Amino acid sequence: MRITITNEEFNNIQKILVQNDISLYERFNEEFKKSILSCTPKKIKATNKANIAKRKKSRNAITNAVNMLRFEDRDITVYSVAKTAAISYNTAKQYKDFILAQ
């Protein structure tokens, strides 16, 4: 499970753990150090590259679906585009403005 906390929240949690459970405090710090060390520039770049490729693939699928729907003279909605493009409704919803502008 992942959560996002501020530095202040992190420090408050550490204070509570030091007072109550030192072994949990040490485990908490160990996991924190692992998370910091695992976030390398190479991984960040690879993640960004994968996200860009995924967005491009979705946009192409949406464009093709809109063209198919237009060719078949069917209504162009977020739902119909999602079904035709075989992508999730939530993904299609992210491109709602793009879809409706077509």
C-alpha atoms as a PDB file:
ATOM      1  CA  MET A   1       0.000   0.000   0.000  1.00  0.00           C
ATOM      2  CA  ARG A   2       1.240   3.478  -0.826  1.00  0.00           C
ATOM      3  CA  ILE A   3       0.316   6.741   0.786  1.00  0.00           C
ATOM      4  CA  THR A   4       1.552  10.257   0.235  1.00  0.00           C
ATOM      5  CA  ILE A   5       2.427  12.241   3.322  1.00  0.00           C
ATOM      6  CA  THR A   6       4.090  15.586   3.926  1.00  0.00           C
ATOM      7  CA  ASN A   7       7.450  15.914   5.642  1.00  0.00           C
ATOM      8  CA  GLU A   8       5.695  17.263   8.721  1.00  0.00           C
ATOM      9  CA  GLU A   9       3.413  14.209   8.855  1.00  0.00           C
ATOM     10  CA  PHE A  10       6.423  11.930   8.399  1.00  0.00           C
ATOM     11  CA  ASN A  11       8.236  13.603  11.299  1.00  0.00           C
ATOM     12  CA  ASN A  12       5.140  13.375  13.516  1.00  0.00           C
ATOM     13  CA  ILE A  13       4.797   9.656  12.781  1.00  0.00           C
ATOM     14  CA  GLN A  14       8.463   9.137  13.625  1.00  0.00           C
ATOM     15  CA  LYS A  15       8.046  10.914  16.971  1.00  0.00           C
ATOM     16  CA  ILE A  16       5.079   8.725  17.868  1.00  0.00           C
ATOM     17  CA  LEU A  17       6.916   5.549  16.861  1.00  0.00           C
ATOM     18  CA  VAL A  18      10.053   6.464  18.836  1.00  0.00           C
ATOM     19  CA  GLN A  19       7.939   6.848  21.977  1.00  0.00           C
ATOM     20  CA  ASN A  20       5.877   3.684  21.468  1.00  0.00           C
ATOM     21  CA  ASP A  21       7.567   1.064  19.283  1.00  0.00           C
ATOM     22  CA  ILE A  22      11.250   1.313  18.406  1.00  0.00           C
ATOM     23  CA  SER A  23      11.231  -1.762  16.126  1.00  0.00           C
ATOM     24  CA  LEU A  24       8.395  -0.297  14.062  1.00  0.00           C
ATOM     25  CA  TYR A  25      10.281   3.015  13.968  1.00  0.00           C
ATOM     26  CA  GLU A  26      13.362   1.255  12.559  1.00  0.00           C
ATOM     27  CA  ARG A  27      11.264  -0.596   9.970  1.00  0.00           C
ATOM     28  CA  PHE A  28       9.562   2.650   8.985  1.00  0.00           C
ATOM     29  CA  ASN A  29      12.923   4.358   8.454  1.00  0.00           C
ATOM     30  CA  GLU A  30      14.272   1.381   6.519  1.00  0.00           C
ATOM     31  CA  GLU A  31      11.296   1.452   4.126  1.00  0.00           C
ATOM     32  CA  PHE A  32      11.672   5.200   3.730  1.00  0.00           C
ATOM     33  CA  LYS A  33      15.347   4.841   2.807  1.00  0.00           C
ATOM     34  CA  LYS A  34      14.467   2.096   0.284  1.00  0.00           C
ATOM     35  CA  SER A  35      11.858   4.298  -1.339  1.00  0.00           C
ATOM     36  CA  ILE A  36      14.306   7.186  -1.661  1.00  0.00           C
ATOM     37  CA  LEU A  37      17.046   4.985  -3.121  1.00  0.00           C
ATOM     38  CA  SER A  38      14.730   3.232  -5.584  1.00  0.00           C
ATOM     39  CA  CYS A  39      13.678   6.492  -7.225  1.00  0.00           C
ATOM     40  CA  THR A  40      16.588   6.734  -9.668  1.00  0.00           C
ATOM     41  CA  PRO A  41      16.725   9.105 -12.660  1.00  0.00           C
ATOM     42  CA  LYS A  42      16.797   6.082 -14.980  1.00  0.00           C
ATOM     43  CA  LYS A  43      13.526   4.718 -13.519  1.00  0.00           C
ATOM     44  CA  ILE A  44      11.888   8.142 -13.634  1.00  0.00           C
ATOM     45  CA  LYS A  45      12.865   8.576 -17.276  1.00  0.00           C
ATOM     46  CA  ALA A  46      11.613   5.084 -18.162  1.00  0.00           C
ATOM     47  CA  THR A  47       8.296   5.721 -16.413  1.00  0.00           C
ATOM     48  CA  ASN A  48       7.814   9.033 -18.204  1.00  0.00           C
ATOM     49  CA  LYS A  49       8.652   7.429 -21.541  1.00  0.00           C
ATOM     50  CA  ALA A  50       6.150   4.616 -20.930  1.00  0.00           C
ATOM     51  CA  ASN A  51       3.435   7.099 -19.933  1.00  0.00           C
ATOM     52  CA  ILE A  52       3.989   9.157 -23.084  1.00  0.00           C
ATOM     53  CA  ALA A  53       3.769   6.016 -25.238  1.00  0.00           C
ATOM     54  CA  LYS A  54       0.580   4.937 -23.454  1.00  0.00           C
ATOM     55  CA  ARG A  55      -1.037   8.358 -23.976  1.00  0.00           C
ATOM     56  CA  LYS A  56      -0.058   8.334 -27.649  1.00  0.00           C
ATOM     57  CA  LYS A  57      -1.522   4.834 -28.106  1.00  0.00           C
ATOM     58  CA  SER A  58      -4.782   5.871 -26.410  1.00  0.00           C
ATOM     59  CA  ARG A  59      -5.055   9.026 -28.488  1.00  0.00           C
ATOM     60  CA  ASN A  60      -4.520   7.045 -31.711  1.00  0.00           C
ATOM     61  CA  ALA A  61      -7.128   4.484 -30.659  1.00  0.00           C
ATOM     62  CA  ILE A  62      -9.583   7.284 -29.900  1.00  0.00           C
ATOM     63  CA  THR A  63      -8.929   8.997 -33.228  1.00  0.00           C
ATOM     64  CA  ASN A  64      -9.488   5.721 -35.084  1.00  0.00           C
ATOM     65  CA  ALA A  65     -12.668   5.008 -33.106  1.00  0.00           C
ATOM     66  CA  VAL A  66     -14.069   8.473 -33.841  1.00  0.00           C
ATOM     67  CA  ASN A  67     -13.352   8.005 -37.540  1.00  0.00           C
ATOM     68  CA  MET A  68     -15.037   4.578 -37.517  1.00  0.00           C
ATOM     69  CA  LEU A  69     -18.087   5.962 -35.722  1.00  0.00           C
ATOM     70  CA  ARG A  70     -18.291   8.850 -38.148  1.00  0.00           C
ATOM     71  CA  PHE A  71     -17.998   6.446 -41.107  1.00  0.00           C
ATOM     72  CA  GLU A  72     -20.795   4.294 -39.655  1.00  0.00           C
ATOM     73  CA  ASP A  73     -22.851   7.458 -38.979  1.00  0.00           C
ATOM     74  CA  ARG A  74     -23.219   6.653 -35.273  1.00  0.00           C
ATOM     75  CA  ASP A  75     -23.298   9.015 -32.299  1.00  0.00           C
ATOM     76  CA  ILE A  76     -19.899  10.083 -31.043  1.00  0.00           C
ATOM     77  CA  THR A  77     -19.952   9.932 -27.249  1.00  0.00           C
ATOM     78  CA  VAL A  78     -17.313   9.110 -24.690  1.00  0.00           C
ATOM     79  CA  TYR A  79     -18.983   5.744 -24.079  1.00  0.00           C
ATOM     80  CA  SER A  80     -19.258   4.800 -27.757  1.00  0.00           C
ATOM     81  CA  VAL A  81     -15.649   5.810 -28.389  1.00  0.00           C
ATOM     82  CA  ALA A  82     -14.470   3.770 -25.394  1.00  0.00           C
ATOM     83  CA  LYS A  83     -16.356   0.691 -26.634  1.00  0.00           C
ATOM     84  CA  THR A  84     -15.168   1.074 -30.229  1.00  0.00           C
ATOM     85  CA  ALA A  85     -11.550   1.775 -29.262  1.00  0.00           C
ATOM     86  CA  ALA A  86     -11.565  -1.073 -26.704  1.00  0.00           C
ATOM     87  CA  ILE A  87     -10.264   1.209 -23.959  1.00  0.00           C
ATOM     88  CA  SER A  88     -11.674   1.872 -20.522  1.00  0.00           C
ATOM     89  CA  TYR A  89     -14.375   4.485 -20.067  1.00  0.00           C
ATOM     90  CA  ASN A  90     -12.139   6.366 -17.610  1.00  0.00           C
ATOM     91  CA  THR A  91      -9.360   6.606 -20.192  1.00  0.00           C
ATOM     92  CA  ALA A  92     -11.795   7.889 -22.802  1.00  0.00           C
ATOM     93  CA  LYS A  93     -13.216  10.339 -20.287  1.00  0.00           C
ATOM     94  CA  GLN A  94      -9.761  11.903 -19.909  1.00  0.00           C
ATOM     95  CA  TYR A  95      -9.962  12.777 -23.624  1.00  0.00           C
ATOM     96  CA  LYS A  96     -13.569  14.020 -23.484  1.00  0.00           C
ATOM     97  CA  ASP A  97     -12.776  17.453 -24.931  1.00  0.00           C
ATOM     98  CA  PHE A  98     -10.723  15.884 -27.719  1.00  0.00           C
ATOM     99  CA  ILE A  99     -13.543  13.430 -28.525  1.00  0.00           C
ATOM    100  CA  LEU A 100     -16.290  16.040 -28.558  1.00  0.00           C
ATOM    101  CA  ALA A 101     -14.170  18.370 -30.710  1.00  0.00           C
ATOM    102  CA  GLN A 102     -13.972  15.720 -33.437  1.00  0.00           C
END
